[in-house]
Amino acid sequence: IVCPLNITQNTEAGLCTATISFANPTTSDNCGSVTLLQTSGPASGAAFPAGITMVNWYATAGASNTVICGFSVTVTDQQNPTITCPSAATANTTTGQCTASGVNLGTPTTTDNCGVQSTTNNAPANIPTGSNTVTWTVTDVHGRTASCTQMVTVTDQQAPTLASPGNQSINAAAGT
């Protein structure tokens, strides 16, 4: 029995699979016909998932002589996830602070052909006054990433306070 060579292919656009076709192993026996049986893996022409799949075959001939061969099908995810950031956000400073905490940044929209593992951002817990850029990053289940940026503007709406020292008595200098 001689199996096909190992196969490597990228996932199909928008899918986490690839359609893989392969020839059956070739067989021969000195004493007659050979019965060939695929024992693992999808059939030729089927969709194989991202990752490594083993395809194994048994060949039986004559007096129950059996041999085995196998090959691997590696389907690689080469598609990056996508991310669309939330619209710009605005907030006022937290009372008594020069920063804003608990700012509602919204939620980005993410997609991936094989699945999103995580979505994170680099916004600090206390965002300073002014214009700030927040970077959002999505990571798919195969470690591929994509990023986008969101503007966050924090405005100081708190009026300053002035404390009077109270009434003061001052003696005028002589001659003035």
N, C-alpha and C. Protein backbone atom coordinates (compact mmCIF):
# COMPACT_ATOMS: atom_id res chain seq x y z
N ILE A 1 0.86 -1.18 0.00
CA ILE A 1 0.00 0.00 0.00
C ILE A 1 0.90 1.23 0.00
N VAL A 2 0.56 2.19 -0.83
CA VAL A 2 1.29 3.45 -0.90
C VAL A 2 0.27 4.58 -0.80
N CYS A 3 0.40 5.37 0.27
CA CYS A 3 -0.54 6.48 0.50
C CYS A 3 -0.11 7.72 -0.28
N PRO A 4 -1.05 8.64 -0.50
CA PRO A 4 -0.70 9.95 -1.06
C PRO A 4 0.24 10.69 -0.10
N LEU A 5 0.93 11.69 -0.60
CA LEU A 5 1.79 12.52 0.24
C LEU A 5 0.95 13.40 1.16
N ASN A 6 1.56 13.92 2.22
CA ASN A 6 0.88 14.85 3.12
C ASN A 6 0.40 16.06 2.32
N ILE A 7 -0.72 16.63 2.76
CA ILE A 7 -1.34 17.75 2.06
C ILE A 7 -1.40 18.95 3.01
N THR A 8 -1.06 20.13 2.49
CA THR A 8 -1.19 21.38 3.24
C THR A 8 -1.96 22.37 2.39
N GLN A 9 -2.99 23.00 2.99
CA GLN A 9 -3.80 23.96 2.25
C GLN A 9 -4.35 25.00 3.21
N ASN A 10 -4.60 26.22 2.72
CA ASN A 10 -5.21 27.27 3.53
C ASN A 10 -6.72 27.11 3.58
N THR A 11 -7.33 27.69 4.62
CA THR A 11 -8.79 27.69 4.70
C THR A 11 -9.36 28.47 3.52
N GLU A 12 -10.58 28.14 3.16
CA GLU A 12 -11.26 28.85 2.08
C GLU A 12 -11.80 30.18 2.61
N ALA A 13 -11.91 31.16 1.76
CA ALA A 13 -12.35 32.50 2.16
C ALA A 13 -13.64 32.44 2.96
N GLY A 14 -13.60 33.02 4.16
CA GLY A 14 -14.77 33.10 5.02
C GLY A 14 -15.11 31.82 5.75
N LEU A 15 -14.34 30.75 5.53
CA LEU A 15 -14.62 29.46 6.17
C LEU A 15 -13.45 29.04 7.05
N CYS A 16 -13.71 28.12 7.96
CA CYS A 16 -12.66 27.57 8.81
C CYS A 16 -12.33 26.15 8.34
N THR A 17 -12.57 25.90 7.07
CA THR A 17 -12.34 24.59 6.47
C THR A 17 -11.74 24.77 5.08
N ALA A 18 -11.28 23.66 4.52
CA ALA A 18 -10.83 23.63 3.13
C ALA A 18 -11.30 22.31 2.53
N THR A 19 -11.81 22.38 1.31
CA THR A 19 -12.22 21.17 0.61
C THR A 19 -10.97 20.50 0.06
N ILE A 20 -10.74 19.26 0.47
CA ILE A 20 -9.52 18.54 0.11
C ILE A 20 -9.88 17.30 -0.70
N SER A 21 -9.24 17.16 -1.84
CA SER A 21 -9.41 15.97 -2.66
C SER A 21 -8.08 15.24 -2.75
N PHE A 22 -8.15 13.92 -2.70
CA PHE A 22 -6.94 13.10 -2.79
C PHE A 22 -7.28 11.77 -3.44
N ALA A 23 -6.27 11.15 -3.98
CA ALA A 23 -6.44 9.83 -4.61
C ALA A 23 -6.36 8.75 -3.55
N ASN A 24 -7.03 7.63 -3.79
CA ASN A 24 -6.90 6.49 -2.90
C ASN A 24 -5.48 5.95 -2.98
N PRO A 25 -5.01 5.32 -1.91
CA PRO A 25 -3.69 4.70 -1.97
C PRO A 25 -3.63 3.66 -3.09
N THR A 26 -2.43 3.42 -3.58
CA THR A 26 -2.24 2.35 -4.57
C THR A 26 -1.87 1.08 -3.82
N THR A 27 -2.37 -0.04 -4.32
CA THR A 27 -2.12 -1.32 -3.65
C THR A 27 -1.74 -2.39 -4.66
N SER A 28 -1.07 -3.40 -4.17
CA SER A 28 -0.79 -4.58 -4.98
C SER A 28 -0.52 -5.75 -4.04
N ASP A 29 -0.74 -6.97 -4.56
CA ASP A 29 -0.47 -8.17 -3.77
C ASP A 29 -0.10 -9.29 -4.73
N ASN A 30 0.84 -10.10 -4.33
CA ASN A 30 1.28 -11.17 -5.20
C ASN A 30 0.30 -12.34 -5.27
N CYS A 31 -0.69 -12.34 -4.40
CA CYS A 31 -1.62 -13.47 -4.37
C CYS A 31 -3.07 -13.09 -4.65
N GLY A 32 -3.32 -12.02 -5.33
CA GLY A 32 -4.69 -11.72 -5.69
C GLY A 32 -5.12 -10.30 -5.37
N SER A 33 -6.42 -10.15 -5.15
CA SER A 33 -7.01 -8.82 -4.96
C SER A 33 -6.75 -8.28 -3.56
N VAL A 34 -6.86 -6.96 -3.47
CA VAL A 34 -6.64 -6.25 -2.22
C VAL A 34 -7.91 -5.49 -1.87
N THR A 35 -8.33 -5.59 -0.61
CA THR A 35 -9.47 -4.82 -0.12
C THR A 35 -8.92 -3.59 0.60
N LEU A 36 -9.38 -2.43 0.18
CA LEU A 36 -8.89 -1.16 0.72
C LEU A 36 -9.99 -0.51 1.55
N LEU A 37 -9.65 -0.03 2.76
CA LEU A 37 -10.63 0.57 3.65
C LEU A 37 -10.03 1.80 4.31
N GLN A 38 -10.72 2.95 4.18
CA GLN A 38 -10.30 4.17 4.89
C GLN A 38 -10.83 4.07 6.30
N THR A 39 -9.94 4.23 7.30
CA THR A 39 -10.35 4.04 8.70
C THR A 39 -10.44 5.32 9.51
N SER A 40 -9.88 6.43 9.02
CA SER A 40 -10.01 7.69 9.75
C SER A 40 -9.92 8.86 8.79
N GLY A 41 -10.48 9.99 9.22
CA GLY A 41 -10.45 11.21 8.42
C GLY A 41 -11.62 11.29 7.46
N PRO A 42 -11.96 12.52 7.06
CA PRO A 42 -13.02 12.71 6.07
C PRO A 42 -12.64 12.09 4.72
N ALA A 43 -13.62 11.81 3.91
CA ALA A 43 -13.40 11.26 2.58
C ALA A 43 -12.85 12.33 1.64
N SER A 44 -12.28 11.90 0.55
CA SER A 44 -11.80 12.82 -0.47
C SER A 44 -12.96 13.70 -0.95
N GLY A 45 -12.69 15.00 -1.11
CA GLY A 45 -13.71 15.95 -1.56
C GLY A 45 -14.51 16.57 -0.43
N ALA A 46 -14.20 16.18 0.81
CA ALA A 46 -14.92 16.70 1.97
C ALA A 46 -14.23 17.95 2.52
N ALA A 47 -14.94 18.65 3.39
CA ALA A 47 -14.38 19.82 4.07
C ALA A 47 -13.57 19.35 5.27
N PHE A 48 -12.29 19.71 5.31
CA PHE A 48 -11.42 19.39 6.42
C PHE A 48 -11.30 20.63 7.31
N PRO A 49 -11.36 20.47 8.64
CA PRO A 49 -11.26 21.62 9.54
C PRO A 49 -9.84 22.16 9.63
N ALA A 50 -9.71 23.41 10.08
CA ALA A 50 -8.39 23.99 10.33
C ALA A 50 -7.68 23.13 11.36
N GLY A 51 -6.39 22.90 11.13
CA GLY A 51 -5.61 22.04 12.01
C GLY A 51 -5.07 20.86 11.23
N ILE A 52 -4.65 19.83 11.95
CA ILE A 52 -4.07 18.64 11.32
C ILE A 52 -5.04 17.47 11.49
N THR A 53 -5.37 16.82 10.38
CA THR A 53 -6.24 15.64 10.39
C THR A 53 -5.47 14.48 9.76
N MET A 54 -5.48 13.37 10.44
CA MET A 54 -4.84 12.17 9.89
C MET A 54 -5.87 11.38 9.08
N VAL A 55 -5.43 10.89 7.92
CA VAL A 55 -6.25 10.02 7.08
C VAL A 55 -5.51 8.68 7.01
N ASN A 56 -6.14 7.63 7.52
CA ASN A 56 -5.51 6.31 7.58
C ASN A 56 -6.27 5.30 6.73
N TRP A 57 -5.53 4.36 6.18
CA TRP A 57 -6.08 3.32 5.32
C TRP A 57 -5.53 1.95 5.72
N TYR A 58 -6.37 0.92 5.57
CA TYR A 58 -5.96 -0.47 5.74
C TYR A 58 -6.12 -1.16 4.40
N ALA A 59 -5.15 -2.00 4.09
CA ALA A 59 -5.25 -2.86 2.90
C ALA A 59 -5.15 -4.30 3.38
N THR A 60 -6.12 -5.13 2.98
CA THR A 60 -6.13 -6.54 3.36
C THR A 60 -6.12 -7.36 2.09
N ALA A 61 -5.28 -8.41 2.12
CA ALA A 61 -5.15 -9.26 0.93
C ALA A 61 -4.95 -10.71 1.36
N GLY A 62 -5.27 -11.59 0.44
CA GLY A 62 -4.99 -13.02 0.59
C GLY A 62 -5.39 -13.58 1.92
N ALA A 63 -4.44 -14.13 2.62
CA ALA A 63 -4.68 -14.83 3.88
C ALA A 63 -4.73 -13.83 5.04
N SER A 64 -5.54 -12.82 4.93
CA SER A 64 -5.73 -11.79 5.96
C SER A 64 -4.46 -11.05 6.30
N ASN A 65 -3.63 -10.86 5.31
CA ASN A 65 -2.45 -10.01 5.49
C ASN A 65 -2.92 -8.56 5.43
N THR A 66 -2.55 -7.77 6.45
CA THR A 66 -3.01 -6.39 6.54
C THR A 66 -1.82 -5.45 6.65
N VAL A 67 -1.90 -4.36 5.91
CA VAL A 67 -0.92 -3.29 6.02
C VAL A 67 -1.67 -1.97 6.17
N ILE A 68 -0.99 -1.01 6.76
CA ILE A 68 -1.60 0.29 7.07
C ILE A 68 -0.74 1.38 6.47
N CYS A 69 -1.39 2.45 5.99
CA CYS A 69 -0.66 3.67 5.63
C CYS A 69 -1.52 4.86 6.02
N GLY A 70 -0.89 5.99 6.12
CA GLY A 70 -1.61 7.20 6.48
C GLY A 70 -0.89 8.44 5.97
N PHE A 71 -1.62 9.52 5.94
CA PHE A 71 -1.04 10.81 5.57
C PHE A 71 -1.79 11.89 6.33
N SER A 72 -1.17 13.06 6.45
CA SER A 72 -1.81 14.15 7.18
C SER A 72 -2.33 15.20 6.22
N VAL A 73 -3.42 15.83 6.64
CA VAL A 73 -3.98 16.97 5.93
C VAL A 73 -3.90 18.15 6.91
N THR A 74 -3.11 19.15 6.56
CA THR A 74 -2.96 20.33 7.40
C THR A 74 -3.69 21.49 6.74
N VAL A 75 -4.69 22.02 7.44
CA VAL A 75 -5.45 23.17 6.95
C VAL A 75 -5.06 24.35 7.83
N THR A 76 -4.52 25.40 7.21
CA THR A 76 -3.99 26.55 7.93
C THR A 76 -4.92 27.75 7.77
N ASP A 77 -5.22 28.39 8.90
CA ASP A 77 -6.04 29.61 8.89
C ASP A 77 -5.11 30.79 8.62
N GLN A 78 -5.22 31.37 7.43
CA GLN A 78 -4.42 32.54 7.05
C GLN A 78 -5.26 33.81 7.01
N GLN A 79 -6.49 33.75 7.51
CA GLN A 79 -7.39 34.91 7.45
C GLN A 79 -7.39 35.63 8.78
N ASN A 80 -7.11 36.93 8.75
CA ASN A 80 -7.15 37.74 9.96
C ASN A 80 -8.59 38.00 10.37
N PRO A 81 -8.81 38.17 11.67
CA PRO A 81 -10.14 38.58 12.11
C PRO A 81 -10.40 40.03 11.67
N THR A 82 -11.63 40.47 11.80
CA THR A 82 -11.95 41.87 11.50
C THR A 82 -12.49 42.53 12.76
N ILE A 83 -12.28 43.83 12.85
CA ILE A 83 -12.78 44.59 14.00
C ILE A 83 -13.19 45.97 13.54
N THR A 84 -14.33 46.44 14.02
CA THR A 84 -14.81 47.80 13.79
C THR A 84 -14.99 48.43 15.17
N CYS A 85 -14.26 49.51 15.41
CA CYS A 85 -14.30 50.16 16.71
C CYS A 85 -15.64 50.86 16.96
N PRO A 86 -15.98 51.03 18.23
CA PRO A 86 -17.16 51.85 18.56
C PRO A 86 -16.89 53.29 18.13
N SER A 87 -17.95 54.06 18.00
CA SER A 87 -17.78 55.47 17.63
C SER A 87 -17.07 56.21 18.75
N ALA A 88 -16.64 57.42 18.45
CA ALA A 88 -15.92 58.24 19.42
C ALA A 88 -16.75 58.39 20.70
N ALA A 89 -16.06 58.46 21.83
CA ALA A 89 -16.74 58.59 23.12
C ALA A 89 -16.32 59.90 23.78
N THR A 90 -17.23 60.45 24.58
CA THR A 90 -16.92 61.66 25.35
C THR A 90 -17.31 61.42 26.80
N ALA A 91 -16.60 62.07 27.69
CA ALA A 91 -16.90 61.96 29.12
C ALA A 91 -16.40 63.22 29.82
N ASN A 92 -16.99 63.49 30.98
CA ASN A 92 -16.53 64.57 31.84
C ASN A 92 -15.64 63.98 32.92
N THR A 93 -14.75 64.81 33.45
CA THR A 93 -13.88 64.34 34.51
C THR A 93 -14.71 63.93 35.73
N THR A 94 -14.17 62.99 36.49
CA THR A 94 -14.79 62.55 37.73
C THR A 94 -14.66 63.68 38.75
N THR A 95 -15.69 63.91 39.56
CA THR A 95 -15.69 65.00 40.53
C THR A 95 -14.43 64.96 41.39
N GLY A 96 -13.75 66.11 41.40
CA GLY A 96 -12.54 66.24 42.21
C GLY A 96 -11.30 65.66 41.55
N GLN A 97 -11.42 65.17 40.33
CA GLN A 97 -10.28 64.57 39.65
C GLN A 97 -10.01 65.28 38.32
N CYS A 98 -8.84 65.05 37.77
CA CYS A 98 -8.50 65.59 36.46
C CYS A 98 -8.54 64.47 35.42
N THR A 99 -9.23 63.40 35.75
CA THR A 99 -9.39 62.24 34.87
C THR A 99 -10.84 61.77 34.93
N ALA A 100 -11.21 60.91 33.98
CA ALA A 100 -12.54 60.31 33.99
C ALA A 100 -12.40 58.81 34.22
N SER A 101 -13.19 58.28 35.13
CA SER A 101 -13.17 56.84 35.37
C SER A 101 -14.54 56.26 35.01
N GLY A 102 -14.56 54.98 34.71
CA GLY A 102 -15.82 54.32 34.36
C GLY A 102 -16.40 54.79 33.05
N VAL A 103 -15.56 55.20 32.10
CA VAL A 103 -16.04 55.71 30.81
C VAL A 103 -16.63 54.56 30.00
N ASN A 104 -17.84 54.76 29.46
CA ASN A 104 -18.48 53.76 28.62
C ASN A 104 -17.92 53.89 27.21
N LEU A 105 -17.01 52.98 26.86
CA LEU A 105 -16.38 53.03 25.54
C LEU A 105 -17.22 52.38 24.45
N GLY A 106 -18.21 51.58 24.84
CA GLY A 106 -18.98 50.83 23.86
C GLY A 106 -18.32 49.49 23.59
N THR A 107 -18.80 48.80 22.57
CA THR A 107 -18.29 47.47 22.23
C THR A 107 -17.98 47.42 20.74
N PRO A 108 -16.78 46.95 20.38
CA PRO A 108 -16.47 46.83 18.95
C PRO A 108 -17.21 45.66 18.32
N THR A 109 -17.32 45.67 17.01
CA THR A 109 -17.89 44.56 16.26
C THR A 109 -16.74 43.73 15.72
N THR A 110 -16.74 42.42 16.01
CA THR A 110 -15.65 41.55 15.57
C THR A 110 -16.20 40.33 14.85
N THR A 111 -15.43 39.82 13.89
CA THR A 111 -15.77 38.57 13.20
C THR A 111 -14.48 37.83 12.87
N ASP A 112 -14.61 36.52 12.69
CA ASP A 112 -13.50 35.70 12.23
C ASP A 112 -14.05 34.41 11.64
N ASN A 113 -13.37 33.89 10.65
CA ASN A 113 -13.81 32.66 9.99
C ASN A 113 -13.75 31.45 10.91
N CYS A 114 -12.86 31.44 11.90
CA CYS A 114 -12.72 30.29 12.80
C CYS A 114 -13.15 30.59 14.23
N GLY A 115 -13.40 31.84 14.56
CA GLY A 115 -13.86 32.18 15.90
C GLY A 115 -12.94 33.17 16.59
N VAL A 116 -13.54 34.07 17.34
CA VAL A 116 -12.82 35.09 18.09
C VAL A 116 -12.48 34.53 19.46
N GLN A 117 -11.22 34.68 19.86
CA GLN A 117 -10.80 34.23 21.19
C GLN A 117 -10.93 35.34 22.21
N SER A 118 -10.49 36.58 21.85
CA SER A 118 -10.57 37.67 22.81
C SER A 118 -10.60 39.02 22.09
N THR A 119 -11.14 40.01 22.82
CA THR A 119 -11.15 41.39 22.36
C THR A 119 -10.71 42.24 23.55
N THR A 120 -9.67 43.05 23.35
CA THR A 120 -9.14 43.86 24.43
C THR A 120 -8.92 45.30 23.96
N ASN A 121 -8.71 46.21 24.94
CA ASN A 121 -8.32 47.58 24.60
C ASN A 121 -7.28 48.05 25.60
N ASN A 122 -6.61 49.14 25.26
CA ASN A 122 -5.55 49.66 26.12
C ASN A 122 -5.97 50.89 26.91
N ALA A 123 -7.27 51.10 27.10
CA ALA A 123 -7.74 52.28 27.84
C ALA A 123 -7.36 52.15 29.31
N PRO A 124 -6.79 53.21 29.88
CA PRO A 124 -6.49 53.17 31.32
C PRO A 124 -7.79 53.28 32.12
N ALA A 125 -7.73 52.87 33.38
CA ALA A 125 -8.91 52.97 34.26
C ALA A 125 -9.32 54.42 34.45
N ASN A 126 -8.34 55.31 34.49
CA ASN A 126 -8.59 56.75 34.64
C ASN A 126 -8.05 57.45 33.40
N ILE A 127 -8.96 57.88 32.53
CA ILE A 127 -8.57 58.49 31.26
C ILE A 127 -8.35 59.99 31.48
N PRO A 128 -7.17 60.51 31.06
CA PRO A 128 -6.87 61.92 31.31
C PRO A 128 -7.69 62.87 30.44
N THR A 129 -7.73 64.14 30.85
CA THR A 129 -8.46 65.15 30.08
C THR A 129 -7.80 65.31 28.71
N GLY A 130 -8.62 65.72 27.76
CA GLY A 130 -8.13 65.94 26.40
C GLY A 130 -8.54 64.81 25.48
N SER A 131 -7.91 64.78 24.29
CA SER A 131 -8.19 63.74 23.29
C SER A 131 -7.27 62.55 23.54
N ASN A 132 -7.85 61.37 23.59
CA ASN A 132 -7.12 60.14 23.87
C ASN A 132 -7.45 59.11 22.80
N THR A 133 -6.45 58.36 22.38
CA THR A 133 -6.65 57.29 21.41
C THR A 133 -6.64 55.95 22.14
N VAL A 134 -7.71 55.20 21.97
CA VAL A 134 -7.81 53.86 22.56
C VAL A 134 -7.67 52.85 21.42
N THR A 135 -6.77 51.90 21.57
CA THR A 135 -6.56 50.86 20.57
C THR A 135 -7.26 49.58 21.01
N TRP A 136 -8.13 49.07 20.16
CA TRP A 136 -8.83 47.81 20.38
C TRP A 136 -8.14 46.73 19.55
N THR A 137 -7.99 45.53 20.10
CA THR A 137 -7.36 44.41 19.39
C THR A 137 -8.22 43.16 19.54
N VAL A 138 -8.48 42.52 18.41
CA VAL A 138 -9.19 41.24 18.41
C VAL A 138 -8.19 40.15 18.06
N THR A 139 -8.27 39.00 18.76
CA THR A 139 -7.40 37.85 18.51
C THR A 139 -8.29 36.65 18.21
N ASP A 140 -8.01 35.95 17.09
CA ASP A 140 -8.82 34.77 16.77
C ASP A 140 -8.25 33.53 17.45
N VAL A 141 -8.94 32.40 17.30
CA VAL A 141 -8.56 31.16 17.98
C VAL A 141 -7.23 30.60 17.50
N HIS A 142 -6.71 31.11 16.39
CA HIS A 142 -5.41 30.67 15.88
C HIS A 142 -4.32 31.71 16.11
N GLY A 143 -4.60 32.75 16.92
CA GLY A 143 -3.60 33.74 17.29
C GLY A 143 -3.42 34.89 16.31
N ARG A 144 -4.23 34.96 15.28
CA ARG A 144 -4.13 36.06 14.32
C ARG A 144 -4.87 37.26 14.93
N THR A 145 -4.38 38.49 14.64
CA THR A 145 -4.95 39.68 15.27
C THR A 145 -5.29 40.76 14.24
N ALA A 146 -6.12 41.68 14.69
CA ALA A 146 -6.44 42.91 13.94
C ALA A 146 -6.74 43.98 14.98
N SER A 147 -6.52 45.25 14.62
CA SER A 147 -6.72 46.35 15.56
C SER A 147 -7.43 47.52 14.89
N CYS A 148 -8.02 48.36 15.72
CA CYS A 148 -8.61 49.62 15.27
C CYS A 148 -8.47 50.62 16.41
N THR A 149 -8.71 51.91 16.12
CA THR A 149 -8.58 52.93 17.15
C THR A 149 -9.88 53.70 17.32
N GLN A 150 -10.08 54.16 18.54
CA GLN A 150 -11.27 54.93 18.92
C GLN A 150 -10.79 56.20 19.64
N MET A 151 -11.42 57.33 19.34
CA MET A 151 -11.10 58.58 20.03
C MET A 151 -11.99 58.72 21.26
N VAL A 152 -11.37 59.09 22.38
CA VAL A 152 -12.10 59.33 23.62
C VAL A 152 -11.69 60.72 24.11
N THR A 153 -12.67 61.61 24.22
CA THR A 153 -12.40 62.97 24.66
C THR A 153 -12.95 63.16 26.07
N VAL A 154 -12.08 63.59 26.98
CA VAL A 154 -12.46 63.85 28.37
C VAL A 154 -12.38 65.35 28.60
N THR A 155 -13.48 65.92 29.06
CA THR A 155 -13.58 67.36 29.28
C THR A 155 -13.68 67.67 30.77
N ASP A 156 -12.95 68.69 31.19
CA ASP A 156 -13.03 69.16 32.58
C ASP A 156 -14.14 70.20 32.65
N GLN A 157 -15.28 69.83 33.24
CA GLN A 157 -16.42 70.74 33.39
C GLN A 157 -16.52 71.31 34.81
N GLN A 158 -15.53 71.03 35.63
CA GLN A 158 -15.57 71.48 37.02
C GLN A 158 -14.93 72.87 37.14
N ALA A 159 -15.70 73.79 37.69
CA ALA A 159 -15.18 75.15 37.88
C ALA A 159 -14.14 75.13 39.01
N PRO A 160 -13.14 75.97 38.90
CA PRO A 160 -12.17 76.03 39.99
C PRO A 160 -12.83 76.64 41.23
N THR A 161 -12.27 76.39 42.36
CA THR A 161 -12.81 76.97 43.59
C THR A 161 -11.81 78.00 44.12
N LEU A 162 -12.35 78.99 44.81
CA LEU A 162 -11.52 80.05 45.40
C LEU A 162 -11.92 80.18 46.84
N ALA A 163 -10.97 80.05 47.72
CA ALA A 163 -11.25 80.19 49.15
C ALA A 163 -10.69 81.53 49.61
N SER A 164 -11.55 82.34 50.19
CA SER A 164 -11.13 83.65 50.68
C SER A 164 -10.38 83.46 51.99
N PRO A 165 -9.27 84.17 52.17
CA PRO A 165 -8.53 84.05 53.43
C PRO A 165 -9.23 84.80 54.58
N GLY A 166 -10.34 85.45 54.29
CA GLY A 166 -11.05 86.22 55.33
C GLY A 166 -10.59 87.67 55.33
N ASN A 167 -11.17 88.49 56.22
CA ASN A 167 -10.80 89.90 56.29
C ASN A 167 -9.39 90.03 56.83
N GLN A 168 -8.68 91.00 56.30
CA GLN A 168 -7.28 91.22 56.70
C GLN A 168 -7.14 92.68 57.14
N SER A 169 -6.37 92.92 58.16
CA SER A 169 -6.04 94.28 58.61
C SER A 169 -4.57 94.51 58.33
N ILE A 170 -4.31 95.59 57.63
CA ILE A 170 -2.94 95.91 57.27
C ILE A 170 -2.70 97.36 57.62
N ASN A 171 -1.60 97.64 58.28
CA ASN A 171 -1.22 99.01 58.60
C ASN A 171 -0.47 99.61 57.43
N ALA A 172 -0.81 100.82 57.10
CA ALA A 172 -0.12 101.49 56.00
C ALA A 172 1.28 101.89 56.48
N ALA A 173 2.20 101.82 55.59
CA ALA A 173 3.58 102.21 55.91
C ALA A 173 3.61 103.73 56.06
N ALA A 174 4.53 104.24 56.83
CA ALA A 174 4.63 105.66 57.08
C ALA A 174 4.85 106.42 55.79
N GLY A 175 4.11 107.43 55.61
CA GLY A 175 4.24 108.29 54.45
C GLY A 175 3.51 107.79 53.23
N THR A 176 2.79 106.69 53.37
CA THR A 176 2.06 106.21 52.20
C THR A 176 0.60 106.12 52.53
